[in-house]
Amino acid sequence: MPATVSDLIVGGFGLISVISGFFGLIYPEMILEIMHLTVVDRSVRQSADYTITFLICLSIASFNIGLYYLIAVWYRWKKFYKLTVMFRFLTFFVLALTIANNSLPKCLIAVAV
């Protein structure tokens, strides 16, 4: 059970990841709606448009990593916490640079944070 601030932060991130992954599996378009991106109805998508497939895969990954985080909190696996901090910084910098390079829309900065 969470006992420290780091437990609460890692657990909160894990819970958000599990919830967003779960709802993304049920309704993948929700991911686009949350990021304020245009949602195109599935019936008008091109046959080679794999947006929904990608969002479902993203949701599976989100659900899984969220479970890893929650399990790490449950067992108070502090080494996992330290490892994830490095990857959170890496994720932030890569996404921020990609947005600054105009390769991604600015609304995705929330993903980096």
PDB file of N, CA and C in Angstrom:
ATOM      1  N   MET A   1       0.840  -1.185   0.000  1.00  0.00           N
ATOM      2  CA  MET A   1       0.000   0.000   0.000  1.00  0.00           C
ATOM      3  C   MET A   1       0.883   1.246   0.000  1.00  0.00           C
ATOM      4  N   PRO A   2       0.415   2.337  -0.677  1.00  0.00           N
ATOM      5  CA  PRO A   2       1.209   3.563  -0.736  1.00  0.00           C
ATOM      6  C   PRO A   2       1.499   4.132   0.645  1.00  0.00           C
ATOM      7  N   ALA A   3       2.748   4.532   0.863  1.00  0.00           N
ATOM      8  CA  ALA A   3       3.138   5.090   2.156  1.00  0.00           C
ATOM      9  C   ALA A   3       3.910   6.395   2.012  1.00  0.00           C
ATOM     10  N   THR A   4       4.506   6.630   0.855  1.00  0.00           N
ATOM     11  CA  THR A   4       5.313   7.823   0.655  1.00  0.00           C
ATOM     12  C   THR A   4       4.765   8.648  -0.504  1.00  0.00           C
ATOM     13  N   VAL A   5       5.318   9.844  -0.652  1.00  0.00           N
ATOM     14  CA  VAL A   5       4.908  10.709  -1.769  1.00  0.00           C
ATOM     15  C   VAL A   5       5.241  10.031  -3.092  1.00  0.00           C
ATOM     16  N   SER A   6       6.422   9.416  -3.170  1.00  0.00           N
ATOM     17  CA  SER A   6       6.784   8.740  -4.422  1.00  0.00           C
ATOM     18  C   SER A   6       5.840   7.580  -4.723  1.00  0.00           C
ATOM     19  N   ASP A   7       5.382   6.871  -3.695  1.00  0.00           N
ATOM     20  CA  ASP A   7       4.388   5.808  -3.898  1.00  0.00           C
ATOM     21  C   ASP A   7       3.112   6.392  -4.511  1.00  0.00           C
ATOM     22  N   LEU A   8       2.673   7.520  -3.971  1.00  0.00           N
ATOM     23  CA  LEU A   8       1.438   8.144  -4.458  1.00  0.00           C
ATOM     24  C   LEU A   8       1.591   8.643  -5.892  1.00  0.00           C
ATOM     25  N   ILE A   9       2.733   9.225  -6.205  1.00  0.00           N
ATOM     26  CA  ILE A   9       2.959   9.729  -7.564  1.00  0.00           C
ATOM     27  C   ILE A   9       3.008   8.584  -8.558  1.00  0.00           C
ATOM     28  N   VAL A  10       3.792   7.563  -8.277  1.00  0.00           N
ATOM     29  CA  VAL A  10       3.901   6.415  -9.184  1.00  0.00           C
ATOM     30  C   VAL A  10       2.559   5.690  -9.267  1.00  0.00           C
ATOM     31  N   GLY A  11       1.893   5.535  -8.134  1.00  0.00           N
ATOM     32  CA  GLY A  11       0.578   4.891  -8.132  1.00  0.00           C
ATOM     33  C   GLY A  11      -0.456   5.699  -8.904  1.00  0.00           C
ATOM     34  N   GLY A  12      -0.419   7.013  -8.750  1.00  0.00           N
ATOM     35  CA  GLY A  12      -1.348   7.875  -9.492  1.00  0.00           C
ATOM     36  C   GLY A  12      -1.119   7.777 -10.986  1.00  0.00           C
ATOM     37  N   PHE A  13       0.155   7.802 -11.396  1.00  0.00           N
ATOM     38  CA  PHE A  13       0.474   7.653 -12.811  1.00  0.00           C
ATOM     39  C   PHE A  13       0.008   6.288 -13.321  1.00  0.00           C
ATOM     40  N   GLY A  14       0.242   5.244 -12.531  1.00  0.00           N
ATOM     41  CA  GLY A  14      -0.197   3.906 -12.924  1.00  0.00           C
ATOM     42  C   GLY A  14      -1.701   3.811 -13.067  1.00  0.00           C
ATOM     43  N   LEU A  15      -2.417   4.410 -12.131  1.00  0.00           N
ATOM     44  CA  LEU A  15      -3.882   4.387 -12.182  1.00  0.00           C
ATOM     45  C   LEU A  15      -4.408   5.134 -13.399  1.00  0.00           C
ATOM     46  N   ILE A  16      -3.840   6.304 -13.686  1.00  0.00           N
ATOM     47  CA  ILE A  16      -4.243   7.065 -14.876  1.00  0.00           C
ATOM     48  C   ILE A  16      -3.964   6.256 -16.139  1.00  0.00           C
ATOM     49  N   SER A  17      -2.818   5.582 -16.188  1.00  0.00           N
ATOM     50  CA  SER A  17      -2.477   4.773 -17.362  1.00  0.00           C
ATOM     51  C   SER A  17      -3.435   3.604 -17.550  1.00  0.00           C
ATOM     52  N   VAL A  18      -3.779   2.937 -16.456  1.00  0.00           N
ATOM     53  CA  VAL A  18      -4.723   1.815 -16.541  1.00  0.00           C
ATOM     54  C   VAL A  18      -6.091   2.313 -16.997  1.00  0.00           C
ATOM     55  N   ILE A  19      -6.561   3.396 -16.429  1.00  0.00           N
ATOM     56  CA  ILE A  19      -7.885   3.919 -16.784  1.00  0.00           C
ATOM     57  C   ILE A  19      -7.924   4.382 -18.237  1.00  0.00           C
ATOM     58  N   SER A  20      -6.909   5.148 -18.655  1.00  0.00           N
ATOM     59  CA  SER A  20      -6.916   5.622 -20.050  1.00  0.00           C
ATOM     60  C   SER A  20      -6.766   4.453 -21.015  1.00  0.00           C
ATOM     61  N   GLY A  21      -5.956   3.458 -20.659  1.00  0.00           N
ATOM     62  CA  GLY A  21      -5.821   2.280 -21.507  1.00  0.00           C
ATOM     63  C   GLY A  21      -7.118   1.507 -21.618  1.00  0.00           C
ATOM     64  N   PHE A  22      -7.803   1.351 -20.493  1.00  0.00           N
ATOM     65  CA  PHE A  22      -9.080   0.626 -20.486  1.00  0.00           C
ATOM     66  C   PHE A  22     -10.114   1.318 -21.379  1.00  0.00           C
ATOM     67  N   PHE A  23     -10.280   2.623 -21.179  1.00  0.00           N
ATOM     68  CA  PHE A  23     -11.276   3.342 -21.981  1.00  0.00           C
ATOM     69  C   PHE A  23     -10.844   3.471 -23.440  1.00  0.00           C
ATOM     70  N   GLY A  24      -9.527   3.529 -23.685  1.00  0.00           N
ATOM     71  CA  GLY A  24      -9.040   3.545 -25.059  1.00  0.00           C
ATOM     72  C   GLY A  24      -9.316   2.241 -25.785  1.00  0.00           C
ATOM     73  N   LEU A  25      -9.343   1.138 -25.051  1.00  0.00           N
ATOM     74  CA  LEU A  25      -9.695  -0.145 -25.667  1.00  0.00           C
ATOM     75  C   LEU A  25     -11.182  -0.199 -26.013  1.00  0.00           C
ATOM     76  N   ILE A  26     -11.997   0.392 -25.163  1.00  0.00           N
ATOM     77  CA  ILE A  26     -13.442   0.378 -25.390  1.00  0.00           C
ATOM     78  C   ILE A  26     -13.834   1.379 -26.478  1.00  0.00           C
ATOM     79  N   TYR A  27     -13.246   2.592 -26.417  1.00  0.00           N
ATOM     80  CA  TYR A  27     -13.591   3.662 -27.342  1.00  0.00           C
ATOM     81  C   TYR A  27     -12.311   4.401 -27.737  1.00  0.00           C
ATOM     82  N   PRO A  28     -11.557   3.888 -28.723  1.00  0.00           N
ATOM     83  CA  PRO A  28     -10.261   4.470 -29.091  1.00  0.00           C
ATOM     84  C   PRO A  28     -10.327   5.943 -29.487  1.00  0.00           C
ATOM     85  N   GLU A  29     -11.438   6.362 -30.067  1.00  0.00           N
ATOM     86  CA  GLU A  29     -11.573   7.755 -30.477  1.00  0.00           C
ATOM     87  C   GLU A  29     -11.485   8.720 -29.289  1.00  0.00           C
ATOM     88  N   MET A  30     -11.745   8.208 -28.075  1.00  0.00           N
ATOM     89  CA  MET A  30     -11.667   9.039 -26.877  1.00  0.00           C
ATOM     90  C   MET A  30     -10.264   9.626 -26.712  1.00  0.00           C
ATOM     91  N   ILE A  31      -9.250   8.867 -27.092  1.00  0.00           N
ATOM     92  CA  ILE A  31      -7.872   9.351 -26.979  1.00  0.00           C
ATOM     93  C   ILE A  31      -7.707  10.606 -27.829  1.00  0.00           C
ATOM     94  N   LEU A  32      -8.243  10.584 -29.028  1.00  0.00           N
ATOM     95  CA  LEU A  32      -8.175  11.760 -29.900  1.00  0.00           C
ATOM     96  C   LEU A  32      -8.975  12.920 -29.318  1.00  0.00           C
ATOM     97  N   GLU A  33     -10.147  12.622 -28.769  1.00  0.00           N
ATOM     98  CA  GLU A  33     -10.991  13.665 -28.190  1.00  0.00           C
ATOM     99  C   GLU A  33     -10.298  14.338 -27.006  1.00  0.00           C
ATOM    100  N   ILE A  34      -9.646  13.562 -26.161  1.00  0.00           N
ATOM    101  CA  ILE A  34      -8.951  14.121 -24.996  1.00  0.00           C
ATOM    102  C   ILE A  34      -7.860  15.095 -25.440  1.00  0.00           C
ATOM    103  N   MET A  35      -7.203  14.784 -26.552  1.00  0.00           N
ATOM    104  CA  MET A  35      -6.127  15.639 -27.050  1.00  0.00           C
ATOM    105  C   MET A  35      -6.641  16.746 -27.968  1.00  0.00           C
ATOM    106  N   HIS A  36      -7.973  16.872 -28.089  1.00  0.00           N
ATOM    107  CA  HIS A  36      -8.604  17.896 -28.922  1.00  0.00           C
ATOM    108  C   HIS A  36      -8.185  17.787 -30.388  1.00  0.00           C
ATOM    109  N   LEU A  37      -8.041  16.550 -30.861  1.00  0.00           N
ATOM    110  CA  LEU A  37      -7.746  16.304 -32.266  1.00  0.00           C
ATOM    111  C   LEU A  37      -9.042  15.943 -32.987  1.00  0.00           C
ATOM    112  N   THR A  38      -9.060  16.150 -34.271  1.00  0.00           N
ATOM    113  CA  THR A  38     -10.254  15.855 -35.063  1.00  0.00           C
ATOM    114  C   THR A  38     -10.529  14.355 -35.065  1.00  0.00           C
ATOM    115  N   VAL A  39     -11.768  14.008 -34.771  1.00  0.00           N
ATOM    116  CA  VAL A  39     -12.182  12.605 -34.781  1.00  0.00           C
ATOM    117  C   VAL A  39     -12.974  12.362 -36.062  1.00  0.00           C
ATOM    118  N   VAL A  40     -12.465  11.450 -36.875  1.00  0.00           N
ATOM    119  CA  VAL A  40     -13.121  11.092 -38.127  1.00  0.00           C
ATOM    120  C   VAL A  40     -13.891   9.802 -37.897  1.00  0.00           C
ATOM    121  N   ASP A  41     -15.142   9.776 -38.311  1.00  0.00           N
ATOM    122  CA  ASP A  41     -15.963   8.580 -38.142  1.00  0.00           C
ATOM    123  C   ASP A  41     -15.328   7.393 -38.864  1.00  0.00           C
ATOM    124  N   ARG A  42     -15.426   6.254 -38.258  1.00  0.00           N
ATOM    125  CA  ARG A  42     -14.816   5.043 -38.835  1.00  0.00           C
ATOM    126  C   ARG A  42     -15.358   4.731 -40.224  1.00  0.00           C
ATOM    127  N   SER A  43     -16.604   5.071 -40.474  1.00  0.00           N
ATOM    128  CA  SER A  43     -17.219   4.737 -41.761  1.00  0.00           C
ATOM    129  C   SER A  43     -16.624   5.533 -42.927  1.00  0.00           C
ATOM    130  N   VAL A  44     -15.987   6.662 -42.649  1.00  0.00           N
ATOM    131  CA  VAL A  44     -15.410   7.468 -43.726  1.00  0.00           C
ATOM    132  C   VAL A  44     -13.884   7.372 -43.789  1.00  0.00           C
ATOM    133  N   ARG A  45     -13.298   6.541 -42.954  1.00  0.00           N
ATOM    134  CA  ARG A  45     -11.843   6.364 -42.976  1.00  0.00           C
ATOM    135  C   ARG A  45     -11.437   5.548 -44.200  1.00  0.00           C
ATOM    136  N   GLN A  46     -10.275   5.854 -44.723  1.00  0.00           N
ATOM    137  CA  GLN A  46      -9.730   5.110 -45.858  1.00  0.00           C
ATOM    138  C   GLN A  46      -9.401   3.688 -45.419  1.00  0.00           C
ATOM    139  N   SER A  47      -9.351   2.772 -46.349  1.00  0.00           N
ATOM    140  CA  SER A  47      -9.071   1.374 -46.002  1.00  0.00           C
ATOM    141  C   SER A  47      -7.656   1.206 -45.440  1.00  0.00           C
ATOM    142  N   ALA A  48      -6.733   2.066 -45.799  1.00  0.00           N
ATOM    143  CA  ALA A  48      -5.358   1.967 -45.305  1.00  0.00           C
ATOM    144  C   ALA A  48      -5.105   2.894 -44.108  1.00  0.00           C
ATOM    145  N   ASP A  49      -6.168   3.400 -43.500  1.00  0.00           N
ATOM    146  CA  ASP A  49      -6.032   4.264 -42.326  1.00  0.00           C
ATOM    147  C   ASP A  49      -6.005   3.378 -41.089  1.00  0.00           C
ATOM    148  N   TYR A  50      -4.868   3.328 -40.431  1.00  0.00           N
ATOM    149  CA  TYR A  50      -4.691   2.468 -39.271  1.00  0.00           C
ATOM    150  C   TYR A  50      -4.726   3.240 -37.952  1.00  0.00           C
ATOM    151  N   THR A  51      -5.372   4.399 -37.951  1.00  0.00           N
ATOM    152  CA  THR A  51      -5.432   5.223 -36.752  1.00  0.00           C
ATOM    153  C   THR A  51      -6.055   4.459 -35.588  1.00  0.00           C
ATOM    154  N   ILE A  52      -7.196   3.825 -35.817  1.00  0.00           N
ATOM    155  CA  ILE A  52      -7.890   3.106 -34.748  1.00  0.00           C
ATOM    156  C   ILE A  52      -7.048   1.923 -34.267  1.00  0.00           C
ATOM    157  N   THR A  53      -6.416   1.218 -35.199  1.00  0.00           N
ATOM    158  CA  THR A  53      -5.536   0.100 -34.835  1.00  0.00           C
ATOM    159  C   THR A  53      -4.400   0.593 -33.947  1.00  0.00           C
ATOM    160  N   PHE A  54      -3.787   1.713 -34.339  1.00  0.00           N
ATOM    161  CA  PHE A  54      -2.698   2.281 -33.554  1.00  0.00           C
ATOM    162  C   PHE A  54      -3.185   2.687 -32.165  1.00  0.00           C
ATOM    163  N   LEU A  55      -4.355   3.317 -32.090  1.00  0.00           N
ATOM    164  CA  LEU A  55      -4.888   3.745 -30.798  1.00  0.00           C
ATOM    165  C   LEU A  55      -5.197   2.557 -29.888  1.00  0.00           C
ATOM    166  N   ILE A  56      -5.670   1.467 -30.460  1.00  0.00           N
ATOM    167  CA  ILE A  56      -5.929   0.269 -29.664  1.00  0.00           C
ATOM    168  C   ILE A  56      -4.608  -0.303 -29.136  1.00  0.00           C
ATOM    169  N   CYS A  57      -3.584  -0.358 -29.982  1.00  0.00           N
ATOM    170  CA  CYS A  57      -2.263  -0.835 -29.528  1.00  0.00           C
ATOM    171  C   CYS A  57      -1.699   0.087 -28.453  1.00  0.00           C
ATOM    172  N   LEU A  58      -1.857   1.382 -28.628  1.00  0.00           N
ATOM    173  CA  LEU A  58      -1.423   2.355 -27.629  1.00  0.00           C
ATOM    174  C   LEU A  58      -2.154   2.129 -26.305  1.00  0.00           C
ATOM    175  N   SER A  59      -3.435   1.834 -26.380  1.00  0.00           N
ATOM    176  CA  SER A  59      -4.234   1.606 -25.171  1.00  0.00           C
ATOM    177  C   SER A  59      -3.813   0.330 -24.454  1.00  0.00           C
ATOM    178  N   ILE A  60      -3.475  -0.709 -25.216  1.00  0.00           N
ATOM    179  CA  ILE A  60      -2.968  -1.939 -24.605  1.00  0.00           C
ATOM    180  C   ILE A  60      -1.672  -1.647 -23.859  1.00  0.00           C
ATOM    181  N   ALA A  61      -0.783  -0.901 -24.492  1.00  0.00           N
ATOM    182  CA  ALA A  61       0.490  -0.547 -23.854  1.00  0.00           C
ATOM    183  C   ALA A  61       0.260   0.294 -22.603  1.00  0.00           C
ATOM    184  N   SER A  62      -0.658   1.248 -22.678  1.00  0.00           N
ATOM    185  CA  SER A  62      -0.968   2.101 -21.526  1.00  0.00           C
ATOM    186  C   SER A  62      -1.513   1.266 -20.371  1.00  0.00           C
ATOM    187  N   PHE A  63      -2.420   0.375 -20.674  1.00  0.00           N
ATOM    188  CA  PHE A  63      -3.003  -0.496 -19.646  1.00  0.00           C
ATOM    189  C   PHE A  63      -1.912  -1.339 -18.984  1.00  0.00           C
ATOM    190  N   ASN A  64      -1.047  -1.950 -19.820  1.00  0.00           N
ATOM    191  CA  ASN A  64       0.013  -2.812 -19.290  1.00  0.00           C
ATOM    192  C   ASN A  64       1.006  -2.037 -18.426  1.00  0.00           C
ATOM    193  N   ILE A  65       1.493  -0.904 -18.911  1.00  0.00           N
ATOM    194  CA  ILE A  65       2.485  -0.160 -18.139  1.00  0.00           C
ATOM    195  C   ILE A  65       1.866   0.367 -16.849  1.00  0.00           C
ATOM    196  N   GLY A  66       0.584   0.720 -16.907  1.00  0.00           N
ATOM    197  CA  GLY A  66      -0.105   1.140 -15.688  1.00  0.00           C
ATOM    198  C   GLY A  66      -0.128   0.039 -14.646  1.00  0.00           C
ATOM    199  N   LEU A  67      -0.364  -1.184 -15.107  1.00  0.00           N
ATOM    200  CA  LEU A  67      -0.329  -2.320 -14.173  1.00  0.00           C
ATOM    201  C   LEU A  67       1.069  -2.514 -13.597  1.00  0.00           C
ATOM    202  N   TYR A  68       2.108  -2.348 -14.433  1.00  0.00           N
ATOM    203  CA  TYR A  68       3.481  -2.456 -13.920  1.00  0.00           C
ATOM    204  C   TYR A  68       3.713  -1.442 -12.809  1.00  0.00           C
ATOM    205  N   TYR A  69       3.265  -0.209 -13.031  1.00  0.00           N
ATOM    206  CA  TYR A  69       3.446   0.842 -12.029  1.00  0.00           C
ATOM    207  C   TYR A  69       2.701   0.489 -10.739  1.00  0.00           C
ATOM    208  N   LEU A  70       1.467   0.029 -10.863  1.00  0.00           N
ATOM    209  CA  LEU A  70       0.688  -0.302  -9.671  1.00  0.00           C
ATOM    210  C   LEU A  70       1.305  -1.485  -8.908  1.00  0.00           C
ATOM    211  N   ILE A  71       1.812  -2.464  -9.638  1.00  0.00           N
ATOM    212  CA  ILE A  71       2.480  -3.602  -8.993  1.00  0.00           C
ATOM    213  C   ILE A  71       3.752  -3.119  -8.282  1.00  0.00           C
ATOM    214  N   ALA A  72       4.491  -2.205  -8.925  1.00  0.00           N
ATOM    215  CA  ALA A  72       5.704  -1.655  -8.292  1.00  0.00           C
ATOM    216  C   ALA A  72       5.368  -0.932  -6.997  1.00  0.00           C
ATOM    217  N   VAL A  73       4.255  -0.209  -6.983  1.00  0.00           N
ATOM    218  CA  VAL A  73       3.837   0.483  -5.760  1.00  0.00           C
ATOM    219  C   VAL A  73       3.436  -0.535  -4.695  1.00  0.00           C
ATOM    220  N   TRP A  74       2.680  -1.521  -5.102  1.00  0.00           N
ATOM    221  CA  TRP A  74       2.208  -2.528  -4.147  1.00  0.00           C
ATOM    222  C   TRP A  74       3.385  -3.193  -3.418  1.00  0.00           C
ATOM    223  N   TYR A  75       4.435  -3.516  -4.194  1.00  0.00           N
ATOM    224  CA  TYR A  75       5.601  -4.184  -3.615  1.00  0.00           C
ATOM    225  C   TYR A  75       6.710  -3.207  -3.198  1.00  0.00           C
ATOM    226  N   ARG A  76       6.424  -1.917  -3.328  1.00  0.00           N
ATOM    227  CA  ARG A  76       7.396  -0.853  -2.985  1.00  0.00           C
ATOM    228  C   ARG A  76       8.765  -1.114  -3.612  1.00  0.00           C
ATOM    229  N   TRP A  77       8.733  -1.293  -4.904  1.00  0.00           N
ATOM    230  CA  TRP A  77       9.936  -1.594  -5.673  1.00  0.00           C
ATOM    231  C   TRP A  77      10.604  -0.283  -6.075  1.00  0.00           C
ATOM    232  N   LYS A  78      11.420   0.273  -5.179  1.00  0.00           N
ATOM    233  CA  LYS A  78      12.016   1.598  -5.340  1.00  0.00           C
ATOM    234  C   LYS A  78      12.968   1.679  -6.533  1.00  0.00           C
ATOM    235  N   LYS A  79      13.633   0.592  -6.889  1.00  0.00           N
ATOM    236  CA  LYS A  79      14.523   0.612  -8.055  1.00  0.00           C
ATOM    237  C   LYS A  79      13.727   0.883  -9.329  1.00  0.00           C
ATOM    238  N   PHE A  80      12.514   0.365  -9.394  1.00  0.00           N
ATOM    239  CA  PHE A  80      11.644   0.625 -10.539  1.00  0.00           C
ATOM    240  C   PHE A  80      11.328   2.116 -10.617  1.00  0.00           C
ATOM    241  N   TYR A  81      11.070   2.749  -9.484  1.00  0.00           N
ATOM    242  CA  TYR A  81      10.773   4.185  -9.450  1.00  0.00           C
ATOM    243  C   TYR A  81      11.915   4.973 -10.070  1.00  0.00           C
ATOM    244  N   LYS A  82      13.139   4.661  -9.647  1.00  0.00           N
ATOM    245  CA  LYS A  82      14.315   5.383 -10.149  1.00  0.00           C
ATOM    246  C   LYS A  82      14.468   5.205 -11.650  1.00  0.00           C
ATOM    247  N   LEU A  83      14.232   4.005 -12.126  1.00  0.00           N
ATOM    248  CA  LEU A  83      14.336   3.731 -13.551  1.00  0.00           C
ATOM    249  C   LEU A  83      13.290   4.519 -14.333  1.00  0.00           C
ATOM    250  N   THR A  84      12.078   4.581 -13.823  1.00  0.00           N
ATOM    251  CA  THR A  84      11.017   5.273 -14.555  1.00  0.00           C
ATOM    252  C   THR A  84      11.240   6.771 -14.619  1.00  0.00           C
ATOM    253  N   VAL A  85      11.896   7.345 -13.610  1.00  0.00           N
ATOM    254  CA  VAL A  85      12.161   8.783 -13.642  1.00  0.00           C
ATOM    255  C   VAL A  85      13.024   9.131 -14.850  1.00  0.00           C
ATOM    256  N   MET A  86      14.046   8.345 -15.114  1.00  0.00           N
ATOM    257  CA  MET A  86      14.908   8.592 -16.280  1.00  0.00           C
ATOM    258  C   MET A  86      14.099   8.537 -17.570  1.00  0.00           C
ATOM    259  N   PHE A  87      13.227   7.542 -17.682  1.00  0.00           N
ATOM    260  CA  PHE A  87      12.443   7.400 -18.904  1.00  0.00           C
ATOM    261  C   PHE A  87      11.368   8.474 -19.043  1.00  0.00           C
ATOM    262  N   ARG A  88      10.834   8.966 -17.918  1.00  0.00           N
ATOM    263  CA  ARG A  88       9.878  10.075 -17.979  1.00  0.00           C
ATOM    264  C   ARG A  88      10.567  11.331 -18.511  1.00  0.00           C
ATOM    265  N   PHE A  89      11.797  11.603 -18.051  1.00  0.00           N
ATOM    266  CA  PHE A  89      12.553  12.751 -18.566  1.00  0.00           C
ATOM    267  C   PHE A  89      12.859  12.571 -20.047  1.00  0.00           C
ATOM    268  N   LEU A  90      13.267  11.372 -20.430  1.00  0.00           N
ATOM    269  CA  LEU A  90      13.556  11.094 -21.834  1.00  0.00           C
ATOM    270  C   LEU A  90      12.310  11.312 -22.688  1.00  0.00           C
ATOM    271  N   THR A  91      11.178  10.802 -22.241  1.00  0.00           N
ATOM    272  CA  THR A  91       9.919  10.987 -22.962  1.00  0.00           C
ATOM    273  C   THR A  91       9.595  12.460 -23.116  1.00  0.00           C
ATOM    274  N   PHE A  92       9.738  13.220 -22.032  1.00  0.00           N
ATOM    275  CA  PHE A  92       9.448  14.648 -22.088  1.00  0.00           C
ATOM    276  C   PHE A  92      10.323  15.352 -23.119  1.00  0.00           C
ATOM    277  N   PHE A  93      11.628  15.117 -23.066  1.00  0.00           N
ATOM    278  CA  PHE A  93      12.534  15.817 -23.970  1.00  0.00           C
ATOM    279  C   PHE A  93      12.326  15.412 -25.426  1.00  0.00           C
ATOM    280  N   VAL A  94      12.111  14.133 -25.700  1.00  0.00           N
ATOM    281  CA  VAL A  94      11.885  13.691 -27.075  1.00  0.00           C
ATOM    282  C   VAL A  94      10.592  14.299 -27.627  1.00  0.00           C
ATOM    283  N   LEU A  95       9.510  14.238 -26.850  1.00  0.00           N
ATOM    284  CA  LEU A  95       8.253  14.827 -27.316  1.00  0.00           C
ATOM    285  C   LEU A  95       8.359  16.342 -27.461  1.00  0.00           C
ATOM    286  N   ALA A  96       8.992  17.010 -26.501  1.00  0.00           N
ATOM    287  CA  ALA A  96       9.134  18.466 -26.583  1.00  0.00           C
ATOM    288  C   ALA A  96       9.947  18.865 -27.818  1.00  0.00           C
ATOM    289  N   LEU A  97      11.023  18.151 -28.090  1.00  0.00           N
ATOM    290  CA  LEU A  97      11.821  18.448 -29.282  1.00  0.00           C
ATOM    291  C   LEU A  97      11.048  18.180 -30.566  1.00  0.00           C
ATOM    292  N   THR A  98      10.283  17.108 -30.567  1.00  0.00           N
ATOM    293  CA  THR A  98       9.478  16.779 -31.748  1.00  0.00           C
ATOM    294  C   THR A  98       8.411  17.840 -31.992  1.00  0.00           C
ATOM    295  N   ILE A  99       7.809  18.337 -30.922  1.00  0.00           N
ATOM    296  CA  ILE A  99       6.813  19.410 -31.043  1.00  0.00           C
ATOM    297  C   ILE A  99       7.492  20.697 -31.496  1.00  0.00           C
ATOM    298  N   ALA A 100       8.644  21.021 -30.918  1.00  0.00           N
ATOM    299  CA  ALA A 100       9.383  22.225 -31.309  1.00  0.00           C
ATOM    300  C   ALA A 100       9.810  22.162 -32.772  1.00  0.00           C
ATOM    301  N   ASN A 101      10.026  20.952 -33.280  1.00  0.00           N
ATOM    302  CA  ASN A 101      10.410  20.741 -34.679  1.00  0.00           C
ATOM    303  C   ASN A 101       9.198  20.767 -35.613  1.00  0.00           C
ATOM    304  N   ASN A 102       8.012  21.009 -35.045  1.00  0.00           N
ATOM    305  CA  ASN A 102       6.744  21.042 -35.789  1.00  0.00           C
ATOM    306  C   ASN A 102       6.383  19.707 -36.429  1.00  0.00           C
ATOM    307  N   SER A 103       6.861  18.623 -35.848  1.00  0.00           N
ATOM    308  CA  SER A 103       6.492  17.297 -36.336  1.00  0.00           C
ATOM    309  C   SER A 103       5.226  16.782 -35.665  1.00  0.00           C
ATOM    310  N   LEU A 104       4.868  17.354 -34.523  1.00  0.00           N
ATOM    311  CA  LEU A 104       3.652  16.992 -33.788  1.00  0.00           C
ATOM    312  C   LEU A 104       2.908  18.256 -33.422  1.00  0.00           C
ATOM    313  N   PRO A 105       1.572  18.173 -33.283  1.00  0.00           N
ATOM    314  CA  PRO A 105       0.817  19.349 -32.855  1.00  0.00           C
ATOM    315  C   PRO A 105       1.142  19.753 -31.423  1.00  0.00           C
ATOM    316  N   LYS A 106       1.077  21.050 -31.149  1.00  0.00           N
ATOM    317  CA  LYS A 106       1.420  21.578 -29.822  1.00  0.00           C
ATOM    318  C   LYS A 106       0.507  21.027 -28.724  1.00  0.00           C
ATOM    319  N   CYS A 107      -0.698  20.594 -29.070  1.00  0.00           N
ATOM    320  CA  CYS A 107      -1.607  20.080 -28.037  1.00  0.00           C
ATOM    321  C   CYS A 107      -1.072  18.798 -27.390  1.00  0.00           C
ATOM    322  N   LEU A 108      -0.093  18.168 -27.999  1.00  0.00           N
ATOM    323  CA  LEU A 108       0.466  16.931 -27.458  1.00  0.00           C
ATOM    324  C   LEU A 108       1.496  17.183 -26.364  1.00  0.00           C
ATOM    325  N   ILE A 109       1.762  18.438 -26.040  1.00  0.00           N
ATOM    326  CA  ILE A 109       2.702  18.726 -24.964  1.00  0.00           C
ATOM    327  C   ILE A 109       2.190  18.143 -23.638  1.00  0.00           C
ATOM    328  N   ALA A 110       0.870  17.994 -23.521  1.00  0.00           N
ATOM    329  CA  ALA A 110       0.301  17.383 -22.314  1.00  0.00           C
ATOM    330  C   ALA A 110       0.779  15.939 -22.171  1.00  0.00           C
ATOM    331  N   VAL A 111       1.011  15.260 -23.260  1.00  0.00           N
ATOM    332  CA  VAL A 111       1.530  13.903 -23.207  1.00  0.00           C
ATOM    333  C   VAL A 111       2.945  13.919 -22.627  1.00  0.00           C
ATOM    334  N   ALA A 112       3.714  14.923 -23.000  1.00  0.00           N
ATOM    335  CA  ALA A 112       5.087  15.022 -22.517  1.00  0.00           C
ATOM    336  C   ALA A 112       5.131  15.310 -21.025  1.00  0.00           C
ATOM    337  N   VAL A 113       4.193  16.103 -20.541  1.00  0.00           N
ATOM    338  CA  VAL A 113       4.180  16.463 -19.134  1.00  0.00           C
ATOM    339  C   VAL A 113       3.659  15.284 -18.353  1.00  0.00           C
TER     340      VAL A 113
END
